[in-house]
Amino acid sequence: MDTPFLVVIMSIVALHLAALLGGGLALGIMRLLGHAPTSIDGAEGRESIH
């Protein structure tokens, strides 16, 4: 295969991997801090202020 082509493919794979790992790391930190991930509508998972 062509070397520039391999570099492009590896760069794309590395960027996707970094994005997935970064998101997982952020989610893990949020769980450690006690903030459960909310649903899409945002209504569940919030605590009442009352």
PDB file of N, CA and C in Angstrom:
ATOM      1  N   MET A   1       0.840  -1.193   0.000  1.00  0.00           N
ATOM      2  CA  MET A   1       0.000   0.000   0.000  1.00  0.00           C
ATOM      3  C   MET A   1       0.875   1.242   0.000  1.00  0.00           C
ATOM      4  N   ASP A   2       0.255   2.324  -0.356  1.00  0.00           N
ATOM      5  CA  ASP A   2       0.941   3.602  -0.395  1.00  0.00           C
ATOM      6  C   ASP A   2       1.133   4.136   1.029  1.00  0.00           C
ATOM      7  N   THR A   3       2.296   4.645   1.323  1.00  0.00           N
ATOM      8  CA  THR A   3       2.586   5.136   2.674  1.00  0.00           C
ATOM      9  C   THR A   3       1.694   6.315   3.074  1.00  0.00           C
ATOM     10  N   PRO A   4       1.488   7.328   2.230  1.00  0.00           N
ATOM     11  CA  PRO A   4       0.586   8.421   2.650  1.00  0.00           C
ATOM     12  C   PRO A   4      -0.834   7.946   2.934  1.00  0.00           C
ATOM     13  N   PHE A   5      -1.291   6.963   2.166  1.00  0.00           N
ATOM     14  CA  PHE A   5      -2.622   6.411   2.404  1.00  0.00           C
ATOM     15  C   PHE A   5      -2.696   5.758   3.781  1.00  0.00           C
ATOM     16  N   LEU A   6      -1.671   4.998   4.150  1.00  0.00           N
ATOM     17  CA  LEU A   6      -1.641   4.359   5.469  1.00  0.00           C
ATOM     18  C   LEU A   6      -1.600   5.398   6.580  1.00  0.00           C
ATOM     19  N   VAL A   7      -0.859   6.469   6.364  1.00  0.00           N
ATOM     20  CA  VAL A   7      -0.773   7.530   7.378  1.00  0.00           C
ATOM     21  C   VAL A   7      -2.145   8.173   7.583  1.00  0.00           C
ATOM     22  N   VAL A   8      -2.870   8.412   6.506  1.00  0.00           N
ATOM     23  CA  VAL A   8      -4.209   9.001   6.617  1.00  0.00           C
ATOM     24  C   VAL A   8      -5.151   8.060   7.354  1.00  0.00           C
ATOM     25  N   ILE A   9      -5.129   6.792   6.994  1.00  0.00           N
ATOM     26  CA  ILE A   9      -6.004   5.809   7.654  1.00  0.00           C
ATOM     27  C   ILE A   9      -5.667   5.697   9.134  1.00  0.00           C
ATOM     28  N   MET A  10      -4.388   5.631   9.466  1.00  0.00           N
ATOM     29  CA  MET A  10      -3.992   5.518  10.870  1.00  0.00           C
ATOM     30  C   MET A  10      -4.348   6.783  11.647  1.00  0.00           C
ATOM     31  N   SER A  11      -4.270   7.935  11.006  1.00  0.00           N
ATOM     32  CA  SER A  11      -4.643   9.182  11.673  1.00  0.00           C
ATOM     33  C   SER A  11      -6.135   9.201  11.989  1.00  0.00           C
ATOM     34  N   ILE A  12      -6.947   8.767  11.040  1.00  0.00           N
ATOM     35  CA  ILE A  12      -8.393   8.733  11.261  1.00  0.00           C
ATOM     36  C   ILE A  12      -8.739   7.766  12.389  1.00  0.00           C
ATOM     37  N   VAL A  13      -8.119   6.602  12.386  1.00  0.00           N
ATOM     38  CA  VAL A  13      -8.372   5.619  13.441  1.00  0.00           C
ATOM     39  C   VAL A  13      -7.932   6.169  14.797  1.00  0.00           C
ATOM     40  N   ALA A  14      -6.775   6.828  14.836  1.00  0.00           N
ATOM     41  CA  ALA A  14      -6.273   7.378  16.100  1.00  0.00           C
ATOM     42  C   ALA A  14      -7.186   8.480  16.630  1.00  0.00           C
ATOM     43  N   LEU A  15      -7.725   9.313  15.745  1.00  0.00           N
ATOM     44  CA  LEU A  15      -8.627  10.377  16.182  1.00  0.00           C
ATOM     45  C   LEU A  15      -9.926   9.800  16.746  1.00  0.00           C
ATOM     46  N   HIS A  16     -10.460   8.773  16.097  1.00  0.00           N
ATOM     47  CA  HIS A  16     -11.672   8.146  16.609  1.00  0.00           C
ATOM     48  C   HIS A  16     -11.422   7.466  17.950  1.00  0.00           C
ATOM     49  N   LEU A  17     -10.302   6.801  18.062  1.00  0.00           N
ATOM     50  CA  LEU A  17      -9.963   6.136  19.315  1.00  0.00           C
ATOM     51  C   LEU A  17      -9.794   7.150  20.442  1.00  0.00           C
ATOM     52  N   ALA A  18      -9.129   8.263  20.160  1.00  0.00           N
ATOM     53  CA  ALA A  18      -8.942   9.306  21.174  1.00  0.00           C
ATOM     54  C   ALA A  18     -10.279   9.899  21.598  1.00  0.00           C
ATOM     55  N   ALA A  19     -11.195  10.075  20.646  1.00  0.00           N
ATOM     56  CA  ALA A  19     -12.510  10.625  20.979  1.00  0.00           C
ATOM     57  C   ALA A  19     -13.294   9.670  21.873  1.00  0.00           C
ATOM     58  N   LEU A  20     -13.252   8.384  21.543  1.00  0.00           N
ATOM     59  CA  LEU A  20     -13.976   7.404  22.350  1.00  0.00           C
ATOM     60  C   LEU A  20     -13.390   7.292  23.748  1.00  0.00           C
ATOM     61  N   LEU A  21     -12.064   7.256  23.847  1.00  0.00           N
ATOM     62  CA  LEU A  21     -11.417   7.154  25.151  1.00  0.00           C
ATOM     63  C   LEU A  21     -11.646   8.420  25.971  1.00  0.00           C
ATOM     64  N   GLY A  22     -11.601   9.565  25.319  1.00  0.00           N
ATOM     65  CA  GLY A  22     -11.840  10.818  26.027  1.00  0.00           C
ATOM     66  C   GLY A  22     -13.248  10.899  26.579  1.00  0.00           C
ATOM     67  N   GLY A  23     -14.219  10.465  25.789  1.00  0.00           N
ATOM     68  CA  GLY A  23     -15.596  10.459  26.261  1.00  0.00           C
ATOM     69  C   GLY A  23     -15.795   9.493  27.408  1.00  0.00           C
ATOM     70  N   GLY A  24     -15.184   8.328  27.317  1.00  0.00           N
ATOM     71  CA  GLY A  24     -15.279   7.356  28.400  1.00  0.00           C
ATOM     72  C   GLY A  24     -14.609   7.844  29.671  1.00  0.00           C
ATOM     73  N   LEU A  25     -13.488   8.536  29.512  1.00  0.00           N
ATOM     74  CA  LEU A  25     -12.780   9.093  30.669  1.00  0.00           C
ATOM     75  C   LEU A  25     -13.621  10.167  31.338  1.00  0.00           C
ATOM     76  N   ALA A  26     -14.225  11.034  30.537  1.00  0.00           N
ATOM     77  CA  ALA A  26     -15.081  12.089  31.094  1.00  0.00           C
ATOM     78  C   ALA A  26     -16.278  11.486  31.819  1.00  0.00           C
ATOM     79  N   LEU A  27     -16.874  10.449  31.242  1.00  0.00           N
ATOM     80  CA  LEU A  27     -18.014   9.803  31.875  1.00  0.00           C
ATOM     81  C   LEU A  27     -17.601   9.160  33.197  1.00  0.00           C
ATOM     82  N   GLY A  28     -16.430   8.529  33.211  1.00  0.00           N
ATOM     83  CA  GLY A  28     -15.937   7.919  34.440  1.00  0.00           C
ATOM     84  C   GLY A  28     -15.675   8.946  35.528  1.00  0.00           C
ATOM     85  N   ILE A  29     -15.117  10.081  35.167  1.00  0.00           N
ATOM     86  CA  ILE A  29     -14.861  11.139  36.149  1.00  0.00           C
ATOM     87  C   ILE A  29     -16.171  11.682  36.693  1.00  0.00           C
ATOM     88  N   MET A  30     -17.156  11.857  35.805  1.00  0.00           N
ATOM     89  CA  MET A  30     -18.459  12.344  36.268  1.00  0.00           C
ATOM     90  C   MET A  30     -19.084  11.355  37.249  1.00  0.00           C
ATOM     91  N   ARG A  31     -18.952  10.064  36.978  1.00  0.00           N
ATOM     92  CA  ARG A  31     -19.504   9.067  37.900  1.00  0.00           C
ATOM     93  C   ARG A  31     -18.756   9.097  39.232  1.00  0.00           C
ATOM     94  N   LEU A  32     -17.438   9.274  39.191  1.00  0.00           N
ATOM     95  CA  LEU A  32     -16.671   9.346  40.436  1.00  0.00           C
ATOM     96  C   LEU A  32     -17.075  10.562  41.261  1.00  0.00           C
ATOM     97  N   LEU A  33     -17.410  11.644  40.598  1.00  0.00           N
ATOM     98  CA  LEU A  33     -17.818  12.859  41.306  1.00  0.00           C
ATOM     99  C   LEU A  33     -19.274  12.797  41.762  1.00  0.00           C
ATOM    100  N   GLY A  34     -19.983  11.748  41.377  1.00  0.00           N
ATOM    101  CA  GLY A  34     -21.343  11.561  41.851  1.00  0.00           C
ATOM    102  C   GLY A  34     -22.407  12.112  40.935  1.00  0.00           C
ATOM    103  N   HIS A  35     -22.055  12.497  39.719  1.00  0.00           N
ATOM    104  CA  HIS A  35     -23.038  13.006  38.769  1.00  0.00           C
ATOM    105  C   HIS A  35     -23.388  11.887  37.803  1.00  0.00           C
ATOM    106  N   ALA A  36     -24.579  11.336  37.966  1.00  0.00           N
ATOM    107  CA  ALA A  36     -25.012  10.275  37.065  1.00  0.00           C
ATOM    108  C   ALA A  36     -25.346  10.875  35.709  1.00  0.00           C
ATOM    109  N   PRO A  37     -25.026  10.183  34.644  1.00  0.00           N
ATOM    110  CA  PRO A  37     -25.392  10.700  33.319  1.00  0.00           C
ATOM    111  C   PRO A  37     -26.901  10.771  33.174  1.00  0.00           C
ATOM    112  N   THR A  38     -27.388  11.861  32.587  1.00  0.00           N
ATOM    113  CA  THR A  38     -28.831  12.048  32.449  1.00  0.00           C
ATOM    114  C   THR A  38     -29.303  11.469  31.125  1.00  0.00           C
ATOM    115  N   SER A  39     -30.608  11.327  31.022  1.00  0.00           N
ATOM    116  CA  SER A  39     -31.189  10.849  29.771  1.00  0.00           C
ATOM    117  C   SER A  39     -31.191  11.986  28.748  1.00  0.00           C
ATOM    118  N   ILE A  40     -31.677  11.698  27.553  1.00  0.00           N
ATOM    119  CA  ILE A  40     -31.646  12.684  26.474  1.00  0.00           C
ATOM    120  C   ILE A  40     -32.503  13.899  26.809  1.00  0.00           C
ATOM    121  N   ASP A  41     -33.676  13.674  27.439  1.00  0.00           N
ATOM    122  CA  ASP A  41     -34.548  14.812  27.733  1.00  0.00           C
ATOM    123  C   ASP A  41     -34.048  15.601  28.952  1.00  0.00           C
ATOM    124  N   GLY A  42     -33.145  15.037  29.732  1.00  0.00           N
ATOM    125  CA  GLY A  42     -32.545  15.743  30.858  1.00  0.00           C
ATOM    126  C   GLY A  42     -33.409  15.772  32.095  1.00  0.00           C
ATOM    127  N   ALA A  43     -34.592  15.171  32.068  1.00  0.00           N
ATOM    128  CA  ALA A  43     -35.486  15.255  33.216  1.00  0.00           C
ATOM    129  C   ALA A  43     -35.080  14.269  34.302  1.00  0.00           C
ATOM    130  N   GLU A  44     -34.585  13.125  33.915  1.00  0.00           N
ATOM    131  CA  GLU A  44     -34.226  12.127  34.912  1.00  0.00           C
ATOM    132  C   GLU A  44     -32.787  12.350  35.364  1.00  0.00           C
ATOM    133  N   GLY A  45     -32.510  11.966  36.583  1.00  0.00           N
ATOM    134  CA  GLY A  45     -31.156  12.061  37.085  1.00  0.00           C
ATOM    135  C   GLY A  45     -30.867  13.368  37.810  1.00  0.00           C
ATOM    136  N   ARG A  46     -31.791  14.305  37.747  1.00  0.00           N
ATOM    137  CA  ARG A  46     -31.594  15.571  38.462  1.00  0.00           C
ATOM    138  C   ARG A  46     -32.214  15.455  39.847  1.00  0.00           C
ATOM    139  N   GLU A  47     -31.566  16.101  40.816  1.00  0.00           N
ATOM    140  CA  GLU A  47     -32.111  16.094  42.148  1.00  0.00           C
ATOM    141  C   GLU A  47     -32.994  17.327  42.331  1.00  0.00           C
ATOM    142  N   SER A  48     -34.027  17.164  43.124  1.00  0.00           N
ATOM    143  CA  SER A  48     -34.934  18.277  43.378  1.00  0.00           C
ATOM    144  C   SER A  48     -34.282  19.248  44.355  1.00  0.00           C
ATOM    145  N   ILE A  49     -34.487  20.529  44.153  1.00  0.00           N
ATOM    146  CA  ILE A  49     -33.903  21.550  45.024  1.00  0.00           C
ATOM    147  C   ILE A  49     -34.743  21.710  46.276  1.00  0.00           C
ATOM    148  N   HIS A  50     -36.029  21.350  46.229  1.00  0.00           N
ATOM    149  CA  HIS A  50     -36.938  21.567  47.365  1.00  0.00           C
ATOM    150  C   HIS A  50     -36.444  20.832  48.582  1.00  0.00           C
TER     151      HIS A  50
END
